[in-house]
Amino acid sequence: MSRARALLTEAGWYDRDGDGFADRDGEALRVEILTQAGSRSGELFLQRYQETLAQAGVKLEPRYLAWPALLERVRARDFDGVFKVWVVPIESDPHQRWHSDQVGTDTANETSFSDPKVDRVIESYGAELDDERRGALSRELQRRLYAEQAYLYGVKVPHKFGASLRLRNVRVGPIDPGYRIRDWYFAE
């Protein structure tokens, strides 16, 4: 937390009034995060995140909204942050979520994320047919997204599944859904 506080201080945010929260020009540093009302995972995550941010001097203000109101705010890009459950398929097209040509459109690029390096990786990924090279481009994309903190991935819900002993080439991995069904085949 000392690094976070140092970065905030460097940016002009520090606790001037002794209340434990960074402030500047008489305004406390507040971050509003939206989540769906009634979402137990959202509530638990935001409570824990609120505690963590408070240690850095940031005041988190959770907003619990009905699903239609939440979607309206997200579509209007009217938020500091949003907690939603998101299950990403093992292979998906990153273009609509991360490419800058999707900013301002009604697509999955809800954060209006834009980065020329990410655009180039996505374009290469879309044109690549070799699985190894696609994998390398996917990892490069993830490294860049992590560096830019376009999203904060905070929750990974564990799950189990079963498979017939007749199935061959079943491998599991940490990325949802945790398997690649197109590699499976039945034993003769």
N, C-alpha and C. Protein backbone atom coordinates (compact mmCIF):
# COMPACT_ATOMS: atom_id res chain seq x y z
N MET A 1 0.81 -1.20 0.00
CA MET A 1 0.00 0.00 0.00
C MET A 1 0.85 1.26 0.00
N SER A 2 2.07 1.16 0.50
CA SER A 2 2.91 2.35 0.54
C SER A 2 3.22 2.85 -0.87
N ARG A 3 3.38 1.94 -1.82
CA ARG A 3 3.62 2.33 -3.23
C ARG A 3 2.39 3.06 -3.78
N ALA A 4 1.20 2.53 -3.48
CA ALA A 4 -0.04 3.17 -3.95
C ALA A 4 -0.16 4.57 -3.36
N ARG A 5 0.08 4.69 -2.08
CA ARG A 5 0.01 6.02 -1.43
C ARG A 5 1.04 6.97 -2.02
N ALA A 6 2.25 6.46 -2.30
CA ALA A 6 3.30 7.30 -2.89
C ALA A 6 2.88 7.79 -4.28
N LEU A 7 2.29 6.92 -5.08
CA LEU A 7 1.83 7.32 -6.41
C LEU A 7 0.71 8.36 -6.32
N LEU A 8 -0.20 8.16 -5.38
CA LEU A 8 -1.27 9.14 -5.19
C LEU A 8 -0.71 10.49 -4.75
N THR A 9 0.24 10.46 -3.83
CA THR A 9 0.86 11.70 -3.36
C THR A 9 1.57 12.41 -4.51
N GLU A 10 2.27 11.64 -5.33
CA GLU A 10 2.95 12.20 -6.50
C GLU A 10 1.97 12.88 -7.44
N ALA A 11 0.75 12.35 -7.51
CA ALA A 11 -0.29 12.93 -8.37
C ALA A 11 -1.06 14.05 -7.66
N GLY A 12 -0.66 14.39 -6.42
CA GLY A 12 -1.30 15.48 -5.71
C GLY A 12 -2.44 15.07 -4.79
N TRP A 13 -2.60 13.77 -4.58
CA TRP A 13 -3.65 13.25 -3.71
C TRP A 13 -3.03 12.70 -2.43
N TYR A 14 -3.30 13.36 -1.31
CA TYR A 14 -2.86 12.86 -0.01
C TYR A 14 -3.82 13.36 1.06
N ASP A 15 -3.74 12.77 2.23
CA ASP A 15 -4.69 13.05 3.31
C ASP A 15 -4.35 14.38 3.99
N ARG A 16 -5.00 15.44 3.59
CA ARG A 16 -4.76 16.76 4.15
C ARG A 16 -5.58 17.02 5.42
N ASP A 17 -6.74 16.35 5.53
CA ASP A 17 -7.63 16.66 6.66
C ASP A 17 -7.63 15.59 7.75
N GLY A 18 -6.80 14.56 7.61
CA GLY A 18 -6.65 13.56 8.66
C GLY A 18 -7.77 12.54 8.77
N ASP A 19 -8.61 12.42 7.75
CA ASP A 19 -9.72 11.45 7.84
C ASP A 19 -9.34 10.07 7.29
N GLY A 20 -8.10 9.91 6.83
CA GLY A 20 -7.64 8.62 6.31
C GLY A 20 -7.78 8.48 4.81
N PHE A 21 -8.42 9.47 4.16
CA PHE A 21 -8.62 9.41 2.71
C PHE A 21 -7.88 10.55 2.02
N ALA A 22 -7.31 10.24 0.87
CA ALA A 22 -6.60 11.26 0.09
C ALA A 22 -7.60 12.30 -0.40
N ASP A 23 -7.14 13.52 -0.47
CA ASP A 23 -7.98 14.59 -0.99
C ASP A 23 -7.11 15.61 -1.73
N ARG A 24 -7.79 16.45 -2.51
CA ARG A 24 -7.12 17.51 -3.26
C ARG A 24 -8.16 18.59 -3.53
N ASP A 25 -7.78 19.81 -3.33
CA ASP A 25 -8.69 20.95 -3.55
C ASP A 25 -10.00 20.78 -2.79
N GLY A 26 -9.92 20.21 -1.59
CA GLY A 26 -11.10 20.05 -0.74
C GLY A 26 -12.00 18.88 -1.11
N GLU A 27 -11.61 18.09 -2.09
CA GLU A 27 -12.41 16.94 -2.52
C GLU A 27 -11.70 15.64 -2.18
N ALA A 28 -12.42 14.72 -1.53
CA ALA A 28 -11.87 13.39 -1.23
C ALA A 28 -11.77 12.58 -2.53
N LEU A 29 -10.78 11.72 -2.58
CA LEU A 29 -10.64 10.83 -3.74
C LEU A 29 -11.66 9.71 -3.60
N ARG A 30 -12.69 9.78 -4.43
CA ARG A 30 -13.78 8.80 -4.38
C ARG A 30 -13.87 8.07 -5.71
N VAL A 31 -14.16 6.78 -5.62
CA VAL A 31 -14.37 5.96 -6.80
C VAL A 31 -15.71 5.26 -6.62
N GLU A 32 -16.59 5.44 -7.60
CA GLU A 32 -17.89 4.78 -7.56
C GLU A 32 -17.82 3.52 -8.43
N ILE A 33 -18.24 2.40 -7.86
CA ILE A 33 -18.28 1.16 -8.63
C ILE A 33 -19.71 0.63 -8.59
N LEU A 34 -20.21 0.35 -9.77
CA LEU A 34 -21.58 -0.15 -9.93
C LEU A 34 -21.58 -1.67 -9.92
N THR A 35 -22.65 -2.23 -9.39
CA THR A 35 -22.89 -3.66 -9.52
C THR A 35 -24.39 -3.90 -9.45
N GLN A 36 -24.79 -5.08 -9.82
CA GLN A 36 -26.21 -5.43 -9.82
C GLN A 36 -26.72 -5.60 -8.39
N ALA A 37 -27.83 -4.96 -8.09
CA ALA A 37 -28.46 -5.13 -6.78
C ALA A 37 -28.82 -6.60 -6.60
N GLY A 38 -28.55 -7.11 -5.41
CA GLY A 38 -28.86 -8.50 -5.11
C GLY A 38 -27.76 -9.48 -5.47
N SER A 39 -26.68 -9.00 -6.08
CA SER A 39 -25.57 -9.87 -6.45
C SER A 39 -24.70 -10.09 -5.23
N ARG A 40 -24.76 -11.29 -4.67
CA ARG A 40 -23.96 -11.59 -3.47
C ARG A 40 -22.47 -11.51 -3.79
N SER A 41 -22.05 -12.00 -4.95
CA SER A 41 -20.63 -11.95 -5.30
C SER A 41 -20.19 -10.50 -5.47
N GLY A 42 -21.05 -9.65 -6.07
CA GLY A 42 -20.73 -8.24 -6.22
C GLY A 42 -20.61 -7.55 -4.88
N GLU A 43 -21.53 -7.86 -3.99
CA GLU A 43 -21.52 -7.25 -2.66
C GLU A 43 -20.25 -7.64 -1.89
N LEU A 44 -19.92 -8.92 -1.90
CA LEU A 44 -18.74 -9.39 -1.18
C LEU A 44 -17.46 -8.81 -1.77
N PHE A 45 -17.38 -8.80 -3.10
CA PHE A 45 -16.19 -8.25 -3.75
C PHE A 45 -16.03 -6.77 -3.41
N LEU A 46 -17.11 -6.01 -3.51
CA LEU A 46 -17.00 -4.57 -3.27
C LEU A 46 -16.69 -4.26 -1.81
N GLN A 47 -17.19 -5.06 -0.88
CA GLN A 47 -16.84 -4.86 0.52
C GLN A 47 -15.34 -5.05 0.73
N ARG A 48 -14.81 -6.12 0.17
CA ARG A 48 -13.38 -6.40 0.32
C ARG A 48 -12.53 -5.36 -0.41
N TYR A 49 -12.96 -4.98 -1.60
CA TYR A 49 -12.22 -3.99 -2.39
C TYR A 49 -12.26 -2.62 -1.69
N GLN A 50 -13.39 -2.31 -1.06
CA GLN A 50 -13.53 -1.07 -0.31
C GLN A 50 -12.48 -1.02 0.82
N GLU A 51 -12.32 -2.13 1.53
CA GLU A 51 -11.32 -2.21 2.59
C GLU A 51 -9.90 -2.03 2.04
N THR A 52 -9.63 -2.66 0.91
CA THR A 52 -8.30 -2.59 0.30
C THR A 52 -8.00 -1.16 -0.16
N LEU A 53 -8.95 -0.54 -0.86
CA LEU A 53 -8.73 0.82 -1.34
C LEU A 53 -8.58 1.81 -0.19
N ALA A 54 -9.31 1.59 0.89
CA ALA A 54 -9.21 2.47 2.06
C ALA A 54 -7.79 2.48 2.61
N GLN A 55 -7.11 1.34 2.55
CA GLN A 55 -5.72 1.27 3.02
C GLN A 55 -4.81 2.17 2.19
N ALA A 56 -5.19 2.40 0.93
CA ALA A 56 -4.42 3.29 0.06
C ALA A 56 -4.91 4.73 0.14
N GLY A 57 -5.99 4.96 0.89
CA GLY A 57 -6.52 6.31 1.03
C GLY A 57 -7.59 6.66 0.02
N VAL A 58 -8.17 5.66 -0.63
CA VAL A 58 -9.20 5.89 -1.65
C VAL A 58 -10.55 5.45 -1.09
N LYS A 59 -11.55 6.29 -1.24
CA LYS A 59 -12.89 5.99 -0.75
C LYS A 59 -13.70 5.34 -1.88
N LEU A 60 -14.10 4.10 -1.67
CA LEU A 60 -14.92 3.39 -2.65
C LEU A 60 -16.38 3.55 -2.27
N GLU A 61 -17.18 3.97 -3.24
CA GLU A 61 -18.62 4.12 -3.04
C GLU A 61 -19.34 3.13 -3.93
N PRO A 62 -19.78 2.00 -3.35
CA PRO A 62 -20.50 1.02 -4.17
C PRO A 62 -21.92 1.51 -4.49
N ARG A 63 -22.39 1.20 -5.69
CA ARG A 63 -23.76 1.51 -6.10
C ARG A 63 -24.40 0.23 -6.58
N TYR A 64 -25.47 -0.15 -5.89
CA TYR A 64 -26.20 -1.37 -6.21
C TYR A 64 -27.43 -0.98 -7.02
N LEU A 65 -27.44 -1.36 -8.29
CA LEU A 65 -28.50 -0.95 -9.21
C LEU A 65 -29.26 -2.15 -9.77
N ALA A 66 -30.53 -1.93 -10.07
CA ALA A 66 -31.29 -2.94 -10.80
C ALA A 66 -30.63 -3.15 -12.16
N TRP A 67 -30.71 -4.36 -12.69
CA TRP A 67 -30.02 -4.70 -13.94
C TRP A 67 -30.28 -3.70 -15.07
N PRO A 68 -31.53 -3.31 -15.35
CA PRO A 68 -31.74 -2.34 -16.44
C PRO A 68 -31.03 -1.00 -16.19
N ALA A 69 -31.04 -0.53 -14.95
CA ALA A 69 -30.36 0.74 -14.63
C ALA A 69 -28.85 0.58 -14.75
N LEU A 70 -28.33 -0.56 -14.35
CA LEU A 70 -26.90 -0.82 -14.49
C LEU A 70 -26.49 -0.81 -15.95
N LEU A 71 -27.25 -1.52 -16.78
CA LEU A 71 -26.94 -1.55 -18.22
C LEU A 71 -27.02 -0.17 -18.85
N GLU A 72 -27.99 0.61 -18.42
CA GLU A 72 -28.13 1.97 -18.95
C GLU A 72 -26.90 2.82 -18.63
N ARG A 73 -26.41 2.74 -17.42
CA ARG A 73 -25.22 3.49 -17.03
C ARG A 73 -23.99 2.99 -17.79
N VAL A 74 -23.88 1.68 -17.96
CA VAL A 74 -22.74 1.12 -18.68
C VAL A 74 -22.77 1.56 -20.14
N ARG A 75 -23.92 1.46 -20.78
CA ARG A 75 -24.04 1.87 -22.20
C ARG A 75 -23.75 3.35 -22.39
N ALA A 76 -24.09 4.16 -21.38
CA ALA A 76 -23.84 5.60 -21.44
C ALA A 76 -22.40 5.94 -21.05
N ARG A 77 -21.63 4.90 -20.69
CA ARG A 77 -20.25 5.08 -20.21
C ARG A 77 -20.22 6.02 -19.00
N ASP A 78 -21.22 5.90 -18.13
CA ASP A 78 -21.38 6.75 -16.95
C ASP A 78 -20.99 5.96 -15.70
N PHE A 79 -19.70 5.71 -15.54
CA PHE A 79 -19.24 4.94 -14.38
C PHE A 79 -17.74 5.14 -14.20
N ASP A 80 -17.29 4.96 -12.96
CA ASP A 80 -15.85 4.87 -12.67
C ASP A 80 -15.42 3.42 -12.81
N GLY A 81 -16.27 2.53 -12.35
CA GLY A 81 -15.99 1.10 -12.43
C GLY A 81 -17.28 0.32 -12.35
N VAL A 82 -17.24 -0.92 -12.84
CA VAL A 82 -18.40 -1.79 -12.83
C VAL A 82 -17.93 -3.18 -12.43
N PHE A 83 -18.66 -3.81 -11.51
CA PHE A 83 -18.41 -5.20 -11.19
C PHE A 83 -19.50 -6.03 -11.85
N LYS A 84 -19.09 -6.90 -12.77
CA LYS A 84 -20.03 -7.82 -13.42
C LYS A 84 -19.37 -9.18 -13.49
N VAL A 85 -20.19 -10.19 -13.54
CA VAL A 85 -19.69 -11.54 -13.76
C VAL A 85 -19.56 -11.72 -15.27
N TRP A 86 -18.43 -12.23 -15.68
CA TRP A 86 -18.14 -12.35 -17.11
C TRP A 86 -17.45 -13.68 -17.34
N VAL A 87 -18.03 -14.52 -18.15
CA VAL A 87 -17.42 -15.79 -18.50
C VAL A 87 -16.98 -15.69 -19.96
N VAL A 88 -15.69 -15.77 -20.15
CA VAL A 88 -15.11 -15.64 -21.49
C VAL A 88 -14.86 -17.03 -22.06
N PRO A 89 -15.30 -17.29 -23.27
CA PRO A 89 -14.99 -18.59 -23.87
C PRO A 89 -13.49 -18.74 -24.07
N ILE A 90 -13.03 -19.96 -24.16
CA ILE A 90 -11.61 -20.24 -24.29
C ILE A 90 -11.02 -19.54 -25.51
N GLU A 91 -11.78 -19.47 -26.58
CA GLU A 91 -11.35 -18.73 -27.76
C GLU A 91 -12.44 -17.74 -28.11
N SER A 92 -12.08 -16.48 -28.14
CA SER A 92 -13.06 -15.46 -28.50
C SER A 92 -12.35 -14.39 -29.33
N ASP A 93 -13.13 -13.65 -30.05
CA ASP A 93 -12.60 -12.57 -30.88
C ASP A 93 -12.44 -11.33 -30.00
N PRO A 94 -11.22 -10.88 -29.78
CA PRO A 94 -11.00 -9.72 -28.91
C PRO A 94 -11.34 -8.38 -29.56
N HIS A 95 -11.66 -8.40 -30.85
CA HIS A 95 -11.86 -7.14 -31.59
C HIS A 95 -12.95 -6.27 -30.99
N GLN A 96 -14.13 -6.83 -30.77
CA GLN A 96 -15.25 -5.99 -30.33
C GLN A 96 -15.06 -5.45 -28.91
N ARG A 97 -14.27 -6.11 -28.08
CA ARG A 97 -14.08 -5.65 -26.71
C ARG A 97 -12.91 -4.69 -26.57
N TRP A 98 -11.85 -4.86 -27.37
CA TRP A 98 -10.61 -4.14 -27.12
C TRP A 98 -10.14 -3.23 -28.25
N HIS A 99 -10.63 -3.38 -29.46
CA HIS A 99 -10.12 -2.58 -30.58
C HIS A 99 -10.67 -1.16 -30.51
N SER A 100 -9.82 -0.18 -30.83
CA SER A 100 -10.22 1.22 -30.71
C SER A 100 -11.31 1.62 -31.70
N ASP A 101 -11.48 0.88 -32.80
CA ASP A 101 -12.55 1.24 -33.73
C ASP A 101 -13.94 0.92 -33.17
N GLN A 102 -13.98 0.29 -32.00
CA GLN A 102 -15.25 -0.03 -31.35
C GLN A 102 -15.66 1.03 -30.31
N VAL A 103 -14.78 1.99 -30.05
CA VAL A 103 -15.09 3.05 -29.08
C VAL A 103 -16.26 3.88 -29.61
N GLY A 104 -17.23 4.12 -28.75
CA GLY A 104 -18.38 4.93 -29.15
C GLY A 104 -19.46 4.15 -29.87
N THR A 105 -19.25 2.86 -30.05
CA THR A 105 -20.27 2.03 -30.69
C THR A 105 -20.97 1.22 -29.61
N ASP A 106 -22.06 0.60 -29.98
CA ASP A 106 -22.82 -0.22 -29.03
C ASP A 106 -22.28 -1.65 -29.05
N THR A 107 -21.01 -1.80 -28.63
CA THR A 107 -20.38 -3.12 -28.62
C THR A 107 -19.92 -3.44 -27.21
N ALA A 108 -19.12 -4.46 -27.10
CA ALA A 108 -18.61 -4.90 -25.80
C ALA A 108 -17.47 -4.02 -25.27
N ASN A 109 -17.01 -3.04 -26.04
CA ASN A 109 -15.94 -2.16 -25.56
C ASN A 109 -16.56 -1.11 -24.63
N GLU A 110 -17.05 -1.59 -23.49
CA GLU A 110 -17.79 -0.76 -22.55
C GLU A 110 -16.92 0.28 -21.87
N THR A 111 -15.61 0.06 -21.82
CA THR A 111 -14.71 0.99 -21.15
C THR A 111 -14.14 2.03 -22.10
N SER A 112 -14.48 1.96 -23.38
CA SER A 112 -13.92 2.85 -24.41
C SER A 112 -12.40 2.73 -24.46
N PHE A 113 -11.91 1.53 -24.24
CA PHE A 113 -10.47 1.27 -24.27
C PHE A 113 -9.93 1.48 -25.67
N SER A 114 -8.77 2.14 -25.75
CA SER A 114 -8.14 2.41 -27.02
C SER A 114 -6.63 2.40 -26.85
N ASP A 115 -5.94 1.59 -27.66
CA ASP A 115 -4.49 1.51 -27.61
C ASP A 115 -3.99 1.02 -28.97
N PRO A 116 -3.17 1.80 -29.66
CA PRO A 116 -2.70 1.39 -31.00
C PRO A 116 -1.94 0.07 -31.00
N LYS A 117 -1.16 -0.20 -29.95
CA LYS A 117 -0.43 -1.48 -29.90
C LYS A 117 -1.39 -2.65 -29.78
N VAL A 118 -2.43 -2.49 -28.97
CA VAL A 118 -3.44 -3.54 -28.84
C VAL A 118 -4.15 -3.74 -30.18
N ASP A 119 -4.47 -2.65 -30.86
CA ASP A 119 -5.12 -2.75 -32.18
C ASP A 119 -4.28 -3.60 -33.13
N ARG A 120 -2.97 -3.35 -33.17
CA ARG A 120 -2.10 -4.11 -34.08
C ARG A 120 -2.06 -5.60 -33.71
N VAL A 121 -2.01 -5.90 -32.43
CA VAL A 121 -1.98 -7.30 -32.00
C VAL A 121 -3.30 -7.98 -32.38
N ILE A 122 -4.42 -7.29 -32.15
CA ILE A 122 -5.73 -7.86 -32.48
C ILE A 122 -5.84 -8.12 -33.98
N GLU A 123 -5.37 -7.19 -34.79
CA GLU A 123 -5.43 -7.36 -36.25
C GLU A 123 -4.56 -8.54 -36.70
N SER A 124 -3.39 -8.69 -36.10
CA SER A 124 -2.52 -9.84 -36.42
C SER A 124 -3.17 -11.14 -35.96
N TYR A 125 -3.76 -11.12 -34.78
CA TYR A 125 -4.43 -12.30 -34.22
C TYR A 125 -5.55 -12.76 -35.14
N GLY A 126 -6.33 -11.82 -35.63
CA GLY A 126 -7.46 -12.15 -36.50
C GLY A 126 -7.05 -12.75 -37.83
N ALA A 127 -5.84 -12.42 -38.29
CA ALA A 127 -5.37 -12.92 -39.58
C ALA A 127 -4.51 -14.18 -39.46
N GLU A 128 -4.14 -14.54 -38.24
CA GLU A 128 -3.22 -15.67 -38.03
C GLU A 128 -3.97 -17.00 -37.99
N LEU A 129 -3.48 -17.99 -38.73
CA LEU A 129 -4.09 -19.31 -38.75
C LEU A 129 -3.30 -20.33 -37.93
N ASP A 130 -2.03 -20.08 -37.72
CA ASP A 130 -1.19 -21.01 -36.98
C ASP A 130 -1.51 -20.93 -35.48
N ASP A 131 -1.87 -22.10 -34.88
CA ASP A 131 -2.27 -22.13 -33.47
C ASP A 131 -1.19 -21.62 -32.53
N GLU A 132 0.07 -21.99 -32.79
CA GLU A 132 1.15 -21.52 -31.91
C GLU A 132 1.30 -20.01 -31.97
N ARG A 133 1.29 -19.48 -33.17
CA ARG A 133 1.44 -18.02 -33.33
C ARG A 133 0.23 -17.30 -32.74
N ARG A 134 -0.98 -17.85 -32.96
CA ARG A 134 -2.18 -17.25 -32.34
C ARG A 134 -2.07 -17.24 -30.82
N GLY A 135 -1.55 -18.33 -30.26
CA GLY A 135 -1.34 -18.40 -28.81
C GLY A 135 -0.37 -17.33 -28.34
N ALA A 136 0.72 -17.14 -29.08
CA ALA A 136 1.70 -16.12 -28.72
C ALA A 136 1.08 -14.72 -28.80
N LEU A 137 0.28 -14.49 -29.84
CA LEU A 137 -0.39 -13.18 -29.97
C LEU A 137 -1.41 -12.97 -28.86
N SER A 138 -2.10 -14.03 -28.48
CA SER A 138 -3.07 -13.93 -27.39
C SER A 138 -2.36 -13.57 -26.08
N ARG A 139 -1.23 -14.19 -25.82
CA ARG A 139 -0.47 -13.87 -24.60
C ARG A 139 0.06 -12.45 -24.65
N GLU A 140 0.51 -12.02 -25.82
CA GLU A 140 0.97 -10.63 -25.98
C GLU A 140 -0.17 -9.65 -25.71
N LEU A 141 -1.35 -9.97 -26.22
CA LEU A 141 -2.53 -9.12 -25.98
C LEU A 141 -2.83 -9.05 -24.49
N GLN A 142 -2.81 -10.19 -23.82
CA GLN A 142 -3.10 -10.20 -22.38
C GLN A 142 -2.07 -9.42 -21.58
N ARG A 143 -0.80 -9.52 -21.97
CA ARG A 143 0.24 -8.74 -21.28
C ARG A 143 -0.01 -7.24 -21.43
N ARG A 144 -0.40 -6.84 -22.63
CA ARG A 144 -0.64 -5.42 -22.89
C ARG A 144 -1.88 -4.94 -22.13
N LEU A 145 -2.94 -5.72 -22.13
CA LEU A 145 -4.15 -5.35 -21.40
C LEU A 145 -3.87 -5.27 -19.90
N TYR A 146 -3.06 -6.19 -19.40
CA TYR A 146 -2.69 -6.16 -17.99
C TYR A 146 -1.89 -4.89 -17.67
N ALA A 147 -0.94 -4.56 -18.54
CA ALA A 147 -0.11 -3.36 -18.32
C ALA A 147 -0.96 -2.09 -18.32
N GLU A 148 -1.97 -2.06 -19.17
CA GLU A 148 -2.82 -0.87 -19.27
C GLU A 148 -3.96 -0.88 -18.25
N GLN A 149 -4.16 -2.01 -17.58
CA GLN A 149 -5.24 -2.17 -16.60
C GLN A 149 -6.59 -1.76 -17.18
N ALA A 150 -6.87 -2.25 -18.38
CA ALA A 150 -8.16 -1.96 -19.01
C ALA A 150 -9.30 -2.57 -18.19
N TYR A 151 -9.04 -3.68 -17.58
CA TYR A 151 -9.99 -4.36 -16.71
C TYR A 151 -9.22 -4.81 -15.47
N LEU A 152 -9.93 -4.93 -14.38
CA LEU A 152 -9.38 -5.54 -13.18
C LEU A 152 -10.17 -6.82 -12.97
N TYR A 153 -9.51 -7.94 -13.21
CA TYR A 153 -10.17 -9.22 -13.03
C TYR A 153 -10.05 -9.59 -11.56
N GLY A 154 -11.17 -9.64 -10.85
CA GLY A 154 -11.10 -9.80 -9.41
C GLY A 154 -11.62 -11.09 -8.86
N VAL A 155 -12.41 -11.83 -9.59
CA VAL A 155 -13.04 -13.02 -9.02
C VAL A 155 -12.95 -14.17 -10.01
N LYS A 156 -12.58 -15.31 -9.50
CA LYS A 156 -12.59 -16.53 -10.31
C LYS A 156 -13.34 -17.57 -9.51
N VAL A 157 -14.54 -17.87 -9.92
CA VAL A 157 -15.37 -18.83 -9.21
C VAL A 157 -14.95 -20.24 -9.63
N PRO A 158 -14.57 -21.08 -8.65
CA PRO A 158 -14.17 -22.45 -8.99
C PRO A 158 -15.38 -23.26 -9.45
N HIS A 159 -15.15 -24.18 -10.35
CA HIS A 159 -16.22 -25.06 -10.80
C HIS A 159 -15.65 -26.42 -11.17
N LYS A 160 -16.54 -27.40 -11.24
CA LYS A 160 -16.14 -28.77 -11.57
C LYS A 160 -16.98 -29.25 -12.74
N PHE A 161 -16.45 -30.22 -13.46
CA PHE A 161 -17.23 -30.87 -14.50
C PHE A 161 -16.78 -32.33 -14.59
N GLY A 162 -17.60 -33.14 -15.20
CA GLY A 162 -17.28 -34.55 -15.35
C GLY A 162 -17.19 -34.91 -16.82
N ALA A 163 -16.45 -35.96 -17.11
CA ALA A 163 -16.31 -36.43 -18.49
C ALA A 163 -16.28 -37.95 -18.47
N SER A 164 -16.80 -38.55 -19.50
CA SER A 164 -16.81 -40.00 -19.65
C SER A 164 -15.38 -40.53 -19.73
N LEU A 165 -15.15 -41.69 -19.17
CA LEU A 165 -13.84 -42.32 -19.27
C LEU A 165 -13.53 -42.76 -20.70
N ARG A 166 -14.54 -42.82 -21.55
CA ARG A 166 -14.35 -43.17 -22.96
C ARG A 166 -13.74 -42.02 -23.75
N LEU A 167 -13.82 -40.81 -23.22
CA LEU A 167 -13.26 -39.65 -23.92
C LEU A 167 -11.74 -39.64 -23.83
N ARG A 168 -11.12 -39.30 -24.90
CA ARG A 168 -9.66 -39.20 -24.94
C ARG A 168 -9.27 -37.75 -25.25
N ASN A 169 -8.03 -37.43 -24.89
CA ASN A 169 -7.45 -36.11 -25.15
C ASN A 169 -8.15 -35.00 -24.36
N VAL A 170 -8.71 -35.35 -23.19
CA VAL A 170 -9.35 -34.36 -22.34
C VAL A 170 -8.26 -33.69 -21.50
N ARG A 171 -8.10 -32.41 -21.69
CA ARG A 171 -7.15 -31.64 -20.89
C ARG A 171 -7.91 -30.46 -20.29
N VAL A 172 -7.55 -30.12 -19.09
CA VAL A 172 -8.20 -28.98 -18.43
C VAL A 172 -7.17 -27.89 -18.20
N GLY A 173 -7.67 -26.67 -18.11
CA GLY A 173 -6.79 -25.53 -17.89
C GLY A 173 -7.47 -24.48 -17.03
N PRO A 174 -6.74 -23.45 -16.67
CA PRO A 174 -7.26 -22.44 -15.75
C PRO A 174 -8.21 -21.41 -16.37
N ILE A 175 -8.29 -21.36 -17.68
CA ILE A 175 -9.10 -20.35 -18.35
C ILE A 175 -10.47 -20.94 -18.67
N ASP A 176 -11.54 -20.21 -18.32
CA ASP A 176 -12.90 -20.70 -18.57
C ASP A 176 -13.10 -20.99 -20.04
N PRO A 177 -13.78 -22.04 -20.38
CA PRO A 177 -14.46 -22.95 -19.48
C PRO A 177 -13.55 -24.01 -18.89
N GLY A 178 -12.27 -24.00 -19.20
CA GLY A 178 -11.33 -24.94 -18.61
C GLY A 178 -11.03 -26.15 -19.47
N TYR A 179 -11.59 -26.20 -20.66
CA TYR A 179 -11.36 -27.33 -21.56
C TYR A 179 -11.60 -26.86 -22.99
N ARG A 180 -11.14 -27.69 -23.94
CA ARG A 180 -11.34 -27.40 -25.35
C ARG A 180 -11.96 -28.62 -25.99
N ILE A 181 -13.25 -28.58 -26.16
CA ILE A 181 -14.02 -29.75 -26.57
C ILE A 181 -13.65 -30.24 -27.98
N ARG A 182 -13.17 -29.37 -28.83
CA ARG A 182 -12.87 -29.79 -30.21
C ARG A 182 -11.68 -30.74 -30.28
N ASP A 183 -10.91 -30.87 -29.19
CA ASP A 183 -9.78 -31.80 -29.16
C ASP A 183 -10.19 -33.19 -28.67
N TRP A 184 -11.39 -33.34 -28.16
CA TRP A 184 -11.82 -34.61 -27.59
C TRP A 184 -12.25 -35.61 -28.67
N TYR A 185 -12.11 -36.87 -28.35
CA TYR A 185 -12.64 -37.91 -29.22
C TYR A 185 -12.94 -39.13 -28.35
N PHE A 186 -13.83 -40.00 -28.84
CA PHE A 186 -14.21 -41.20 -28.10
C PHE A 186 -13.26 -42.33 -28.44
N ALA A 187 -12.91 -43.12 -27.43
CA ALA A 187 -12.10 -44.31 -27.63
C ALA A 187 -12.92 -45.33 -28.41
N GLU A 188 -12.29 -46.07 -29.24
CA GLU A 188 -12.98 -47.09 -30.04
C GLU A 188 -13.39 -48.26 -29.18
